Amino acid sequence: MTERKPMNVLRQAQLLKVYNELLEVVKKMLDDKVDAEILASTLVAQGLRLYKGILDEKTFQATIDVIIKNTKEIGIRPLFEQPPEKKEEKKEETIN
């Protein structure tokens, strides 16, 4: 079984860097009038093929299950939609 790597600060930074670089490529392709559905399906297919190549079958299936579960439970916003504003919790006033 392929072991999952812990998400430490360095991996989180790498994740953010890769995400942002790919987002810029996606934005450019959309600006160049590439069909958004074709682009999305290609990204999903490439991601699944990459997972399939680096994970054993059990881990691959577990990963797909997590993706589906998170999609249903968390929900997915459109790519360029801003997250909803969080309501600030009223803090108790103190003398300090």
PDB file of N, CA and C in Angstrom:
ATOM      1  N   MET A   1       0.835  -1.180   0.000  1.00  0.00           N
ATOM      2  CA  MET A   1       0.000   0.000   0.000  1.00  0.00           C
ATOM      3  C   MET A   1       0.885   1.249   0.000  1.00  0.00           C
ATOM      4  N   THR A   2       0.505   2.243  -0.783  1.00  0.00           N
ATOM      5  CA  THR A   2       1.236   3.493  -0.824  1.00  0.00           C
ATOM      6  C   THR A   2       0.903   4.299   0.416  1.00  0.00           C
ATOM      7  N   GLU A   3       1.928   4.799   1.079  1.00  0.00           N
ATOM      8  CA  GLU A   3       1.713   5.548   2.306  1.00  0.00           C
ATOM      9  C   GLU A   3       1.515   7.027   1.975  1.00  0.00           C
ATOM     10  N   ARG A   4       0.531   7.640   2.620  1.00  0.00           N
ATOM     11  CA  ARG A   4       0.289   9.067   2.419  1.00  0.00           C
ATOM     12  C   ARG A   4       1.373   9.869   3.124  1.00  0.00           C
ATOM     13  N   LYS A   5       1.809  10.937   2.453  1.00  0.00           N
ATOM     14  CA  LYS A   5       2.824  11.798   3.031  1.00  0.00           C
ATOM     15  C   LYS A   5       2.143  12.833   3.912  1.00  0.00           C
ATOM     16  N   PRO A   6       2.742  13.134   5.069  1.00  0.00           N
ATOM     17  CA  PRO A   6       2.123  14.128   5.944  1.00  0.00           C
ATOM     18  C   PRO A   6       2.147  15.509   5.289  1.00  0.00           C
ATOM     19  N   MET A   7       1.133  16.326   5.587  1.00  0.00           N
ATOM     20  CA  MET A   7       1.045  17.654   5.008  1.00  0.00           C
ATOM     21  C   MET A   7       1.710  18.654   5.956  1.00  0.00           C
ATOM     22  N   ASN A   8       3.036  18.735   5.853  1.00  0.00           N
ATOM     23  CA  ASN A   8       3.771  19.681   6.685  1.00  0.00           C
ATOM     24  C   ASN A   8       3.791  21.051   5.999  1.00  0.00           C
ATOM     25  N   VAL A   9       4.431  22.009   6.614  1.00  0.00           N
ATOM     26  CA  VAL A   9       4.449  23.378   6.095  1.00  0.00           C
ATOM     27  C   VAL A   9       5.072  23.432   4.699  1.00  0.00           C
ATOM     28  N   LEU A  10       6.139  22.686   4.478  1.00  0.00           N
ATOM     29  CA  LEU A  10       6.806  22.688   3.173  1.00  0.00           C
ATOM     30  C   LEU A  10       5.878  22.135   2.088  1.00  0.00           C
ATOM     31  N   ARG A  11       5.188  21.037   2.382  1.00  0.00           N
ATOM     32  CA  ARG A  11       4.253  20.464   1.401  1.00  0.00           C
ATOM     33  C   ARG A  11       3.060  21.393   1.166  1.00  0.00           C
ATOM     34  N   GLN A  12       2.602  22.077   2.223  1.00  0.00           N
ATOM     35  CA  GLN A  12       1.506  23.029   2.058  1.00  0.00           C
ATOM     36  C   GLN A  12       1.926  24.176   1.150  1.00  0.00           C
ATOM     37  N   ALA A  13       3.143  24.650   1.322  1.00  0.00           N
ATOM     38  CA  ALA A  13       3.663  25.720   0.470  1.00  0.00           C
ATOM     39  C   ALA A  13       3.773  25.244  -0.977  1.00  0.00           C
ATOM     40  N   GLN A  14       4.240  24.017  -1.161  1.00  0.00           N
ATOM     41  CA  GLN A  14       4.351  23.460  -2.508  1.00  0.00           C
ATOM     42  C   GLN A  14       2.967  23.306  -3.132  1.00  0.00           C
ATOM     43  N   LEU A  15       1.996  22.847  -2.340  1.00  0.00           N
ATOM     44  CA  LEU A  15       0.627  22.702  -2.818  1.00  0.00           C
ATOM     45  C   LEU A  15       0.079  24.042  -3.286  1.00  0.00           C
ATOM     46  N   LEU A  16       0.258  25.076  -2.496  1.00  0.00           N
ATOM     47  CA  LEU A  16      -0.235  26.405  -2.852  1.00  0.00           C
ATOM     48  C   LEU A  16       0.445  26.924  -4.117  1.00  0.00           C
ATOM     49  N   LYS A  17       1.755  26.688  -4.238  1.00  0.00           N
ATOM     50  CA  LYS A  17       2.504  27.130  -5.420  1.00  0.00           C
ATOM     51  C   LYS A  17       1.983  26.438  -6.681  1.00  0.00           C
ATOM     52  N   VAL A  18       1.835  25.120  -6.613  1.00  0.00           N
ATOM     53  CA  VAL A  18       1.341  24.361  -7.772  1.00  0.00           C
ATOM     54  C   VAL A  18      -0.082  24.800  -8.114  1.00  0.00           C
ATOM     55  N   TYR A  19      -0.935  24.929  -7.095  1.00  0.00           N
ATOM     56  CA  TYR A  19      -2.323  25.340  -7.317  1.00  0.00           C
ATOM     57  C   TYR A  19      -2.360  26.685  -8.044  1.00  0.00           C
ATOM     58  N   ASN A  20      -1.604  27.657  -7.553  1.00  0.00           N
ATOM     59  CA  ASN A  20      -1.617  28.989  -8.152  1.00  0.00           C
ATOM     60  C   ASN A  20      -1.040  29.004  -9.560  1.00  0.00           C
ATOM     61  N   GLU A  21       0.017  28.230  -9.799  1.00  0.00           N
ATOM     62  CA  GLU A  21       0.590  28.170 -11.148  1.00  0.00           C
ATOM     63  C   GLU A  21      -0.395  27.539 -12.134  1.00  0.00           C
ATOM     64  N   LEU A  22      -1.043  26.459 -11.721  1.00  0.00           N
ATOM     65  CA  LEU A  22      -2.034  25.835 -12.605  1.00  0.00           C
ATOM     66  C   LEU A  22      -3.242  26.746 -12.815  1.00  0.00           C
ATOM     67  N   LEU A  23      -3.632  27.482 -11.782  1.00  0.00           N
ATOM     68  CA  LEU A  23      -4.739  28.420 -11.912  1.00  0.00           C
ATOM     69  C   LEU A  23      -4.432  29.475 -12.970  1.00  0.00           C
ATOM     70  N   GLU A  24      -3.204  29.950 -13.010  1.00  0.00           N
ATOM     71  CA  GLU A  24      -2.816  30.936 -14.029  1.00  0.00           C
ATOM     72  C   GLU A  24      -2.896  30.336 -15.436  1.00  0.00           C
ATOM     73  N   VAL A  25      -2.485  29.089 -15.587  1.00  0.00           N
ATOM     74  CA  VAL A  25      -2.594  28.418 -16.889  1.00  0.00           C
ATOM     75  C   VAL A  25      -4.060  28.286 -17.282  1.00  0.00           C
ATOM     76  N   VAL A  26      -4.903  27.883 -16.329  1.00  0.00           N
ATOM     77  CA  VAL A  26      -6.337  27.739 -16.601  1.00  0.00           C
ATOM     78  C   VAL A  26      -6.932  29.084 -17.001  1.00  0.00           C
ATOM     79  N   LYS A  27      -6.609  30.142 -16.274  1.00  0.00           N
ATOM     80  CA  LYS A  27      -7.120  31.477 -16.602  1.00  0.00           C
ATOM     81  C   LYS A  27      -6.726  31.875 -18.022  1.00  0.00           C
ATOM     82  N   LYS A  28      -5.454  31.641 -18.370  1.00  0.00           N
ATOM     83  CA  LYS A  28      -4.983  32.007 -19.715  1.00  0.00           C
ATOM     84  C   LYS A  28      -5.737  31.224 -20.778  1.00  0.00           C
ATOM     85  N   MET A  29      -5.921  29.923 -20.552  1.00  0.00           N
ATOM     86  CA  MET A  29      -6.625  29.108 -21.539  1.00  0.00           C
ATOM     87  C   MET A  29      -8.076  29.567 -21.684  1.00  0.00           C
ATOM     88  N   LEU A  30      -8.709  29.928 -20.574  1.00  0.00           N
ATOM     89  CA  LEU A  30     -10.082  30.435 -20.658  1.00  0.00           C
ATOM     90  C   LEU A  30     -10.118  31.781 -21.374  1.00  0.00           C
ATOM     91  N   ASP A  31      -9.123  32.633 -21.106  1.00  0.00           N
ATOM     92  CA  ASP A  31      -9.025  33.912 -21.819  1.00  0.00           C
ATOM     93  C   ASP A  31      -8.831  33.697 -23.315  1.00  0.00           C
ATOM     94  N   ASP A  32      -8.138  32.598 -23.663  1.00  0.00           N
ATOM     95  CA  ASP A  32      -7.911  32.250 -25.076  1.00  0.00           C
ATOM     96  C   ASP A  32      -9.100  31.508 -25.679  1.00  0.00           C
ATOM     97  N   LYS A  33     -10.214  31.491 -24.944  1.00  0.00           N
ATOM     98  CA  LYS A  33     -11.491  30.916 -25.400  1.00  0.00           C
ATOM     99  C   LYS A  33     -11.483  29.397 -25.540  1.00  0.00           C
ATOM    100  N   VAL A  34     -10.659  28.718 -24.755  1.00  0.00           N
ATOM    101  CA  VAL A  34     -10.738  27.261 -24.699  1.00  0.00           C
ATOM    102  C   VAL A  34     -12.054  26.919 -24.002  1.00  0.00           C
ATOM    103  N   ASP A  35     -12.767  25.945 -24.516  1.00  0.00           N
ATOM    104  CA  ASP A  35     -14.042  25.528 -23.935  1.00  0.00           C
ATOM    105  C   ASP A  35     -13.818  25.076 -22.494  1.00  0.00           C
ATOM    106  N   ALA A  36     -14.531  25.706 -21.553  1.00  0.00           N
ATOM    107  CA  ALA A  36     -14.335  25.430 -20.127  1.00  0.00           C
ATOM    108  C   ALA A  36     -14.639  23.974 -19.776  1.00  0.00           C
ATOM    109  N   GLU A  37     -15.634  23.382 -20.409  1.00  0.00           N
ATOM    110  CA  GLU A  37     -15.975  21.983 -20.118  1.00  0.00           C
ATOM    111  C   GLU A  37     -14.870  21.040 -20.583  1.00  0.00           C
ATOM    112  N   ILE A  38     -14.310  21.320 -21.738  1.00  0.00           N
ATOM    113  CA  ILE A  38     -13.197  20.503 -22.244  1.00  0.00           C
ATOM    114  C   ILE A  38     -11.989  20.652 -21.325  1.00  0.00           C
ATOM    115  N   LEU A  39     -11.718  21.879 -20.901  1.00  0.00           N
ATOM    116  CA  LEU A  39     -10.587  22.121 -20.002  1.00  0.00           C
ATOM    117  C   LEU A  39     -10.783  21.386 -18.677  1.00  0.00           C
ATOM    118  N   ALA A  40     -11.980  21.496 -18.090  1.00  0.00           N
ATOM    119  CA  ALA A  40     -12.253  20.832 -16.808  1.00  0.00           C
ATOM    120  C   ALA A  40     -12.132  19.319 -16.921  1.00  0.00           C
ATOM    121  N   SER A  41     -12.710  18.752 -17.974  1.00  0.00           N
ATOM    122  CA  SER A  41     -12.658  17.288 -18.109  1.00  0.00           C
ATOM    123  C   SER A  41     -11.228  16.804 -18.333  1.00  0.00           C
ATOM    124  N   THR A  42     -10.435  17.605 -19.026  1.00  0.00           N
ATOM    125  CA  THR A  42      -9.041  17.235 -19.254  1.00  0.00           C
ATOM    126  C   THR A  42      -8.245  17.274 -17.949  1.00  0.00           C
ATOM    127  N   LEU A  43      -8.468  18.310 -17.138  1.00  0.00           N
ATOM    128  CA  LEU A  43      -7.767  18.400 -15.859  1.00  0.00           C
ATOM    129  C   LEU A  43      -8.134  17.243 -14.939  1.00  0.00           C
ATOM    130  N   VAL A  44      -9.432  16.911 -14.884  1.00  0.00           N
ATOM    131  CA  VAL A  44      -9.872  15.790 -14.041  1.00  0.00           C
ATOM    132  C   VAL A  44      -9.252  14.484 -14.541  1.00  0.00           C
ATOM    133  N   ALA A  45      -9.305  14.259 -15.841  1.00  0.00           N
ATOM    134  CA  ALA A  45      -8.758  13.019 -16.405  1.00  0.00           C
ATOM    135  C   ALA A  45      -7.263  12.901 -16.129  1.00  0.00           C
ATOM    136  N   GLN A  46      -6.534  13.996 -16.302  1.00  0.00           N
ATOM    137  CA  GLN A  46      -5.096  13.952 -16.050  1.00  0.00           C
ATOM    138  C   GLN A  46      -4.801  13.716 -14.570  1.00  0.00           C
ATOM    139  N   GLY A  47      -5.585  14.343 -13.687  1.00  0.00           N
ATOM    140  CA  GLY A  47      -5.402  14.132 -12.255  1.00  0.00           C
ATOM    141  C   GLY A  47      -5.649  12.688 -11.864  1.00  0.00           C
ATOM    142  N   LEU A  48      -6.731  12.111 -12.406  1.00  0.00           N
ATOM    143  CA  LEU A  48      -7.029  10.703 -12.101  1.00  0.00           C
ATOM    144  C   LEU A  48      -5.948   9.773 -12.640  1.00  0.00           C
ATOM    145  N   ARG A  49      -5.458  10.051 -13.824  1.00  0.00           N
ATOM    146  CA  ARG A  49      -4.400   9.211 -14.393  1.00  0.00           C
ATOM    147  C   ARG A  49      -3.119   9.323 -13.572  1.00  0.00           C
ATOM    148  N   LEU A  50      -2.843  10.527 -13.066  1.00  0.00           N
ATOM    149  CA  LEU A  50      -1.665  10.707 -12.226  1.00  0.00           C
ATOM    150  C   LEU A  50      -1.824   9.929 -10.921  1.00  0.00           C
ATOM    151  N   TYR A  51      -2.995  10.048 -10.275  1.00  0.00           N
ATOM    152  CA  TYR A  51      -3.257   9.245  -9.071  1.00  0.00           C
ATOM    153  C   TYR A  51      -3.100   7.756  -9.361  1.00  0.00           C
ATOM    154  N   LYS A  52      -3.672   7.312 -10.478  1.00  0.00           N
ATOM    155  CA  LYS A  52      -3.632   5.885 -10.836  1.00  0.00           C
ATOM    156  C   LYS A  52      -2.193   5.398 -10.990  1.00  0.00           C
ATOM    157  N   GLY A  53      -1.327   6.268 -11.455  1.00  0.00           N
ATOM    158  CA  GLY A  53       0.070   5.893 -11.668  1.00  0.00           C
ATOM    159  C   GLY A  53       0.923   5.900 -10.412  1.00  0.00           C
ATOM    160  N   ILE A  54       0.492   6.632  -9.375  1.00  0.00           N
ATOM    161  CA  ILE A  54       1.348   6.744  -8.182  1.00  0.00           C
ATOM    162  C   ILE A  54       0.775   6.033  -6.957  1.00  0.00           C
ATOM    163  N   LEU A  55      -0.502   5.635  -7.012  1.00  0.00           N
ATOM    164  CA  LEU A  55      -1.138   4.975  -5.867  1.00  0.00           C
ATOM    165  C   LEU A  55      -1.452   3.520  -6.189  1.00  0.00           C
ATOM    166  N   ASP A  56      -1.415   2.672  -5.169  1.00  0.00           N
ATOM    167  CA  ASP A  56      -1.890   1.310  -5.387  1.00  0.00           C
ATOM    168  C   ASP A  56      -3.421   1.366  -5.511  1.00  0.00           C
ATOM    169  N   GLU A  57      -4.025   0.278  -5.959  1.00  0.00           N
ATOM    170  CA  GLU A  57      -5.468   0.275  -6.256  1.00  0.00           C
ATOM    171  C   GLU A  57      -6.322   0.621  -5.038  1.00  0.00           C
ATOM    172  N   LYS A  58      -5.980   0.060  -3.882  1.00  0.00           N
ATOM    173  CA  LYS A  58      -6.769   0.316  -2.671  1.00  0.00           C
ATOM    174  C   LYS A  58      -6.717   1.801  -2.290  1.00  0.00           C
ATOM    175  N   THR A  59      -5.529   2.385  -2.328  1.00  0.00           N
ATOM    176  CA  THR A  59      -5.367   3.800  -1.987  1.00  0.00           C
ATOM    177  C   THR A  59      -6.027   4.690  -3.040  1.00  0.00           C
ATOM    178  N   PHE A  60      -5.929   4.284  -4.305  1.00  0.00           N
ATOM    179  CA  PHE A  60      -6.590   5.033  -5.380  1.00  0.00           C
ATOM    180  C   PHE A  60      -8.096   5.081  -5.129  1.00  0.00           C
ATOM    181  N   GLN A  61      -8.712   3.935  -4.846  1.00  0.00           N
ATOM    182  CA  GLN A  61     -10.155   3.891  -4.592  1.00  0.00           C
ATOM    183  C   GLN A  61     -10.527   4.702  -3.359  1.00  0.00           C
ATOM    184  N   ALA A  62      -9.704   4.620  -2.311  1.00  0.00           N
ATOM    185  CA  ALA A  62      -9.965   5.390  -1.096  1.00  0.00           C
ATOM    186  C   ALA A  62      -9.884   6.891  -1.381  1.00  0.00           C
ATOM    187  N   THR A  63      -8.937   7.292  -2.210  1.00  0.00           N
ATOM    188  CA  THR A  63      -8.790   8.701  -2.579  1.00  0.00           C
ATOM    189  C   THR A  63     -10.007   9.189  -3.349  1.00  0.00           C
ATOM    190  N   ILE A  64     -10.474   8.387  -4.303  1.00  0.00           N
ATOM    191  CA  ILE A  64     -11.668   8.748  -5.081  1.00  0.00           C
ATOM    192  C   ILE A  64     -12.874   8.847  -4.150  1.00  0.00           C
ATOM    193  N   ASP A  65     -12.993   7.925  -3.210  1.00  0.00           N
ATOM    194  CA  ASP A  65     -14.099   7.964  -2.247  1.00  0.00           C
ATOM    195  C   ASP A  65     -14.067   9.254  -1.425  1.00  0.00           C
ATOM    196  N   VAL A  66     -12.883   9.659  -0.999  1.00  0.00           N
ATOM    197  CA  VAL A  66     -12.745  10.895  -0.222  1.00  0.00           C
ATOM    198  C   VAL A  66     -13.123  12.104  -1.074  1.00  0.00           C
ATOM    199  N   ILE A  67     -12.692  12.114  -2.318  1.00  0.00           N
ATOM    200  CA  ILE A  67     -13.032  13.233  -3.219  1.00  0.00           C
ATOM    201  C   ILE A  67     -14.544  13.338  -3.370  1.00  0.00           C
ATOM    202  N   ILE A  68     -15.201  12.226  -3.614  1.00  0.00           N
ATOM    203  CA  ILE A  68     -16.662  12.226  -3.791  1.00  0.00           C
ATOM    204  C   ILE A  68     -17.354  12.648  -2.497  1.00  0.00           C
ATOM    205  N   LYS A  69     -16.904  12.098  -1.383  1.00  0.00           N
ATOM    206  CA  LYS A  69     -17.501  12.432  -0.086  1.00  0.00           C
ATOM    207  C   LYS A  69     -17.350  13.926   0.196  1.00  0.00           C
ATOM    208  N   ASN A  70     -16.151  14.467  -0.006  1.00  0.00           N
ATOM    209  CA  ASN A  70     -15.915  15.886   0.250  1.00  0.00           C
ATOM    210  C   ASN A  70     -16.722  16.775  -0.691  1.00  0.00           C
ATOM    211  N   THR A  71     -16.901  16.322  -1.918  1.00  0.00           N
ATOM    212  CA  THR A  71     -17.690  17.080  -2.879  1.00  0.00           C
ATOM    213  C   THR A  71     -19.125  17.213  -2.392  1.00  0.00           C
ATOM    214  N   LYS A  72     -19.660  16.147  -1.837  1.00  0.00           N
ATOM    215  CA  LYS A  72     -21.040  16.162  -1.356  1.00  0.00           C
ATOM    216  C   LYS A  72     -21.172  16.912  -0.042  1.00  0.00           C
ATOM    217  N   GLU A  73     -20.244  16.700   0.884  1.00  0.00           N
ATOM    218  CA  GLU A  73     -20.359  17.270   2.219  1.00  0.00           C
ATOM    219  C   GLU A  73     -19.923  18.728   2.292  1.00  0.00           C
ATOM    220  N   ILE A  74     -18.824  19.045   1.667  1.00  0.00           N
ATOM    221  CA  ILE A  74     -18.277  20.395   1.755  1.00  0.00           C
ATOM    222  C   ILE A  74     -18.882  21.294   0.689  1.00  0.00           C
ATOM    223  N   GLY A  75     -19.151  20.706  -0.457  1.00  0.00           N
ATOM    224  CA  GLY A  75     -19.633  21.506  -1.573  1.00  0.00           C
ATOM    225  C   GLY A  75     -18.448  22.136  -2.294  1.00  0.00           C
ATOM    226  N   ILE A  76     -18.649  22.436  -3.544  1.00  0.00           N
ATOM    227  CA  ILE A  76     -17.587  23.033  -4.341  1.00  0.00           C
ATOM    228  C   ILE A  76     -18.130  24.306  -4.956  1.00  0.00           C
ATOM    229  N   ARG A  77     -17.410  25.398  -4.719  1.00  0.00           N
ATOM    230  CA  ARG A  77     -17.789  26.673  -5.339  1.00  0.00           C
ATOM    231  C   ARG A  77     -17.211  26.723  -6.749  1.00  0.00           C
ATOM    232  N   PRO A  78     -17.835  27.500  -7.630  1.00  0.00           N
ATOM    233  CA  PRO A  78     -17.222  27.730  -8.941  1.00  0.00           C
ATOM    234  C   PRO A  78     -15.813  28.308  -8.766  1.00  0.00           C
ATOM    235  N   LEU A  79     -14.949  28.052  -9.720  1.00  0.00           N
ATOM    236  CA  LEU A  79     -13.531  28.380  -9.616  1.00  0.00           C
ATOM    237  C   LEU A  79     -13.266  29.827  -9.228  1.00  0.00           C
ATOM    238  N   PHE A  80     -13.957  30.764  -9.837  1.00  0.00           N
ATOM    239  CA  PHE A  80     -13.645  32.170  -9.601  1.00  0.00           C
ATOM    240  C   PHE A  80     -14.634  32.848  -8.663  1.00  0.00           C
ATOM    241  N   GLU A  81     -15.467  32.079  -7.989  1.00  0.00           N
ATOM    242  CA  GLU A  81     -16.416  32.649  -7.033  1.00  0.00           C
ATOM    243  C   GLU A  81     -15.702  32.891  -5.707  1.00  0.00           C
ATOM    244  N   GLN A  82     -15.938  34.042  -5.139  1.00  0.00           N
ATOM    245  CA  GLN A  82     -15.337  34.371  -3.855  1.00  0.00           C
ATOM    246  C   GLN A  82     -16.016  33.579  -2.746  1.00  0.00           C
ATOM    247  N   PRO A  83     -15.259  33.171  -1.743  1.00  0.00           N
ATOM    248  CA  PRO A  83     -15.894  32.458  -0.626  1.00  0.00           C
ATOM    249  C   PRO A  83     -16.845  33.396   0.112  1.00  0.00           C
ATOM    250  N   PRO A  84     -17.889  32.838   0.707  1.00  0.00           N
ATOM    251  CA  PRO A  84     -18.814  33.692   1.456  1.00  0.00           C
ATOM    252  C   PRO A  84     -18.096  34.331   2.639  1.00  0.00           C
ATOM    253  N   GLU A  85     -18.508  35.541   2.950  1.00  0.00           N
ATOM    254  CA  GLU A  85     -17.878  36.237   4.072  1.00  0.00           C
ATOM    255  C   GLU A  85     -18.265  35.556   5.373  1.00  0.00           C
ATOM    256  N   LYS A  86     -17.280  35.422   6.223  1.00  0.00           N
ATOM    257  CA  LYS A  86     -17.538  34.824   7.525  1.00  0.00           C
ATOM    258  C   LYS A  86     -18.061  35.916   8.445  1.00  0.00           C
ATOM    259  N   LYS A  87     -19.085  35.581   9.185  1.00  0.00           N
ATOM    260  CA  LYS A  87     -19.606  36.530  10.158  1.00  0.00           C
ATOM    261  C   LYS A  87     -18.648  36.559  11.334  1.00  0.00           C
ATOM    262  N   GLU A  88     -18.269  37.764  11.701  1.00  0.00           N
ATOM    263  CA  GLU A  88     -17.357  37.895  12.831  1.00  0.00           C
ATOM    264  C   GLU A  88     -18.113  37.634  14.117  1.00  0.00           C
ATOM    265  N   GLU A  89     -17.470  36.845  14.952  1.00  0.00           N
ATOM    266  CA  GLU A  89     -18.071  36.551  16.236  1.00  0.00           C
ATOM    267  C   GLU A  89     -17.898  37.768  17.142  1.00  0.00           C
ATOM    268  N   LYS A  90     -18.947  38.097  17.866  1.00  0.00           N
ATOM    269  CA  LYS A  90     -18.873  39.212  18.770  1.00  0.00           C
ATOM    270  C   LYS A  90     -18.019  38.808  19.957  1.00  0.00           C
ATOM    271  N   LYS A  91     -16.944  39.570  20.174  1.00  0.00           N
ATOM    272  CA  LYS A  91     -16.044  39.280  21.275  1.00  0.00           C
ATOM    273  C   LYS A  91     -16.491  40.052  22.502  1.00  0.00           C
ATOM    274  N   GLU A  92     -16.300  39.419  23.602  1.00  0.00           N
ATOM    275  CA  GLU A  92     -16.635  40.096  24.853  1.00  0.00           C
ATOM    276  C   GLU A  92     -15.632  41.219  25.091  1.00  0.00           C
ATOM    277  N   GLU A  93     -16.174  42.342  25.505  1.00  0.00           N
ATOM    278  CA  GLU A  93     -15.287  43.460  25.806  1.00  0.00           C
ATOM    279  C   GLU A  93     -14.678  43.227  27.186  1.00  0.00           C
ATOM    280  N   THR A  94     -13.396  43.502  27.264  1.00  0.00           N
ATOM    281  CA  THR A  94     -12.707  43.362  28.538  1.00  0.00           C
ATOM    282  C   THR A  94     -11.940  44.641  28.827  1.00  0.00           C
ATOM    283  N   ILE A  95     -11.506  44.760  30.030  1.00  0.00           N
ATOM    284  CA  ILE A  95     -10.722  45.934  30.427  1.00  0.00           C
ATOM    285  C   ILE A  95      -9.348  45.881  29.778  1.00  0.00           C
ATOM    286  N   ASN A  96      -8.804  44.700  29.570  1.00  0.00           N
ATOM    287  CA  ASN A  96      -7.454  44.546  29.021  1.00  0.00           C
ATOM    288  C   ASN A  96      -7.384  44.920  27.594  1.00  0.00           C
TER     289      ASN A  96
END
